[in-house]
Amino acid sequence: MIANANDVTTLGHTIELAIAPVFLLVAAGGFLNVLAGRLARIVDRARTRGQILMEATGHQHESIKEELRAIDRRIGLVNAAISLVVLAAVLICLVVILLFAAKMVDIMLYDVISVLFAVAMVSIAAGFSLFLVETRIASRWIHVSSDLLEHQVMMDEKKD
């Protein structure tokens, strides 16, 4: 089958329309990579702190338990963010597929495509929001020891 110039122009226009969602798909993939890396580090922290908890007593034991509760919440938030971004990626894929299907079959799917794209954007925004909440929780647990903050260099140490 030989395509006429109008078909090629229409296909070219459809490809142009699909480029923006594809770039969004690439960005979602990058964000998923960040979230997966963050989740791995949080899980590592949970394992390390869990081992320390088994030997801790008193105030240290309670402090570590409290931190582990926060870590558990962070894991849940990152997992939810991953789910939302994956949902957005699937919806973006559907947008691209439907853009081509609408042109090929010559049916009006623009309302459906618009809704899918809007839901994808809401899903990504929600994923970013959960990421923000998770990073805020993490920053509350970053402590610089007052011993370090108030450390004074001894005169003997300066000579070395």
Protein backbone atom coordinates (compact mmCIF):
# COMPACT_ATOMS: atom_id res chain seq x y z
CA MET A 1 0.00 0.00 0.00
CA ILE A 2 1.37 3.39 -0.98
CA ALA A 3 0.62 6.18 1.45
CA ASN A 4 -0.49 9.50 0.06
CA ALA A 5 1.03 12.78 1.19
CA ASN A 6 -1.97 13.57 3.39
CA ASP A 7 -1.56 10.28 5.31
CA VAL A 8 2.14 10.98 5.85
CA THR A 9 1.36 14.52 7.04
CA THR A 10 -1.29 13.20 9.43
CA LEU A 11 1.11 10.57 10.77
CA GLY A 12 3.81 13.21 11.20
CA HIS A 13 1.40 15.43 13.13
CA THR A 14 0.37 12.49 15.35
CA ILE A 15 4.03 11.74 16.08
CA GLU A 16 4.54 15.40 17.03
CA LEU A 17 1.58 15.17 19.41
CA ALA A 18 3.02 12.01 20.97
CA ILE A 19 6.46 13.51 21.64
CA ALA A 20 5.45 15.55 24.71
CA PRO A 21 3.86 12.57 26.50
CA VAL A 22 6.90 10.45 25.64
CA PHE A 23 9.20 13.03 27.26
CA LEU A 24 6.92 12.95 30.29
CA LEU A 25 7.25 9.17 30.28
CA VAL A 26 11.05 9.51 30.31
CA ALA A 27 10.82 11.94 33.23
CA ALA A 28 8.54 9.53 35.11
CA GLY A 29 11.12 6.79 34.55
CA GLY A 30 13.85 9.01 35.99
CA PHE A 31 11.71 9.80 39.00
CA LEU A 32 11.02 6.08 39.50
CA ASN A 33 14.77 5.52 39.51
CA VAL A 34 15.17 8.14 42.25
CA LEU A 35 12.34 6.61 44.28
CA ALA A 36 13.72 3.07 43.94
CA GLY A 37 17.15 4.25 45.09
CA ARG A 38 15.62 6.08 48.01
CA LEU A 39 13.58 3.02 48.99
CA ALA A 40 16.71 0.84 48.94
CA ARG A 41 18.54 3.25 51.25
CA ILE A 42 15.56 3.45 53.62
CA VAL A 43 15.35 -0.36 53.80
CA ASP A 44 19.10 -0.55 54.49
CA ARG A 45 18.66 2.00 57.29
CA ALA A 46 15.77 -0.03 58.74
CA ARG A 47 17.88 -3.19 58.79
CA THR A 48 20.84 -1.43 60.40
CA ARG A 49 18.74 0.29 63.05
CA GLY A 50 16.81 -2.95 63.69
CA GLN A 51 20.03 -4.77 64.53
CA ILE A 52 21.12 -1.97 66.86
CA LEU A 53 17.67 -1.99 68.51
CA MET A 54 18.14 -5.60 69.64
CA GLU A 55 21.14 -4.59 71.76
CA ALA A 56 19.90 -1.16 72.89
CA THR A 57 18.44 -0.41 76.30
CA GLY A 58 16.64 2.43 77.99
CA HIS A 59 16.41 5.77 76.20
CA GLN A 60 18.42 4.55 73.19
CA HIS A 61 16.02 1.61 72.74
CA GLU A 62 12.98 3.90 72.77
CA SER A 63 14.64 6.40 70.43
CA ILE A 64 15.49 3.70 67.89
CA LYS A 65 11.96 2.26 68.09
CA GLU A 66 10.58 5.73 67.36
CA GLU A 67 12.96 6.12 64.43
CA LEU A 68 11.95 2.70 63.08
CA ARG A 69 8.30 3.79 63.17
CA ALA A 70 9.26 6.83 61.09
CA ILE A 71 11.27 4.61 58.73
CA ASP A 72 8.25 2.33 58.33
CA ARG A 73 6.12 5.35 57.44
CA ARG A 74 8.77 6.52 54.96
CA ILE A 75 8.77 3.09 53.30
CA GLY A 76 4.99 3.28 52.93
CA LEU A 77 5.17 6.79 51.45
CA VAL A 78 7.86 5.86 48.92
CA ASN A 79 5.95 2.72 47.92
CA ALA A 80 2.79 4.79 47.43
CA ALA A 81 4.74 7.35 45.39
CA ILE A 82 6.14 4.55 43.22
CA SER A 83 2.63 3.19 42.65
CA LEU A 84 1.33 6.63 41.66
CA VAL A 85 4.19 7.30 39.25
CA VAL A 86 3.83 3.83 37.67
CA LEU A 87 0.10 4.52 37.26
CA ALA A 88 0.96 7.82 35.60
CA ALA A 89 3.42 6.07 33.27
CA VAL A 90 0.79 3.51 32.24
CA LEU A 91 -1.73 6.30 31.62
CA ILE A 92 0.81 8.21 29.54
CA CYS A 93 1.42 5.06 27.47
CA LEU A 94 -2.34 4.80 26.93
CA VAL A 95 -2.43 8.44 25.83
CA VAL A 96 0.21 7.77 23.17
CA ILE A 97 -1.50 4.56 22.03
CA LEU A 98 -4.88 6.28 21.80
CA LEU A 99 -3.41 9.22 19.88
CA PHE A 100 -2.33 6.81 17.17
CA ALA A 101 -5.47 4.65 17.39
CA ALA A 102 -7.69 7.71 17.01
CA LYS A 103 -5.86 8.71 13.83
CA MET A 104 -5.74 5.19 12.41
CA VAL A 105 -9.40 4.37 12.97
CA ASP A 106 -10.53 7.98 12.57
CA ILE A 107 -12.55 8.13 15.77
CA MET A 108 -12.79 10.99 18.23
CA LEU A 109 -11.02 9.95 21.41
CA TYR A 110 -9.81 13.39 22.41
CA ASP A 111 -12.04 13.61 25.48
CA VAL A 112 -10.77 10.23 26.69
CA ILE A 113 -7.18 11.20 25.90
CA SER A 114 -7.58 14.51 27.76
CA VAL A 115 -8.99 12.80 30.84
CA LEU A 116 -6.24 10.15 30.84
CA PHE A 117 -3.56 12.83 30.51
CA ALA A 118 -5.11 14.90 33.33
CA VAL A 119 -5.30 11.84 35.60
CA ALA A 120 -1.66 11.04 34.76
CA MET A 121 -0.64 14.57 35.76
CA VAL A 122 -2.60 14.34 39.02
CA SER A 123 -0.96 10.98 39.71
CA ILE A 124 2.53 12.38 39.13
CA ALA A 125 1.74 15.43 41.27
CA ALA A 126 0.53 13.15 44.07
CA GLY A 127 3.72 11.08 43.74
CA PHE A 128 5.85 14.22 44.06
CA SER A 129 3.77 15.31 47.06
CA LEU A 130 4.35 12.00 48.84
CA PHE A 131 8.05 12.30 48.02
CA LEU A 132 8.06 15.74 49.66
CA VAL A 133 6.37 14.37 52.79
CA GLU A 134 8.87 11.50 52.93
CA THR A 135 11.86 13.82 52.65
CA ARG A 136 10.43 16.05 55.39
CA ILE A 137 10.08 13.04 57.71
CA ALA A 138 13.65 11.97 56.87
CA SER A 139 15.03 15.43 57.60
CA ARG A 140 13.52 15.37 61.09
CA TRP A 141 15.70 12.37 61.91
CA ILE A 142 18.96 13.91 60.79
CA HIS A 143 20.84 14.85 63.92
CA VAL A 144 24.25 16.37 64.28
CA SER A 145 25.56 15.50 67.69
CA SER A 146 25.94 18.47 70.01
CA ASP A 147 29.37 17.03 70.90
CA LEU A 148 30.41 17.59 67.30
CA LEU A 149 28.85 21.03 67.12
CA GLU A 150 30.62 22.15 70.28
CA HIS A 151 33.88 20.33 69.67
CA GLN A 152 36.95 22.40 70.47
CA VAL A 153 40.37 21.62 69.08
CA MET A 154 42.85 21.02 71.86
CA MET A 155 46.16 22.87 71.67
CA ASP A 156 48.02 19.53 71.43
CA GLU A 157 45.84 18.53 68.46
CA LYS A 158 46.69 21.77 66.63
CA LYS A 159 50.42 21.04 66.78
CA ASP A 160 50.05 17.74 64.88
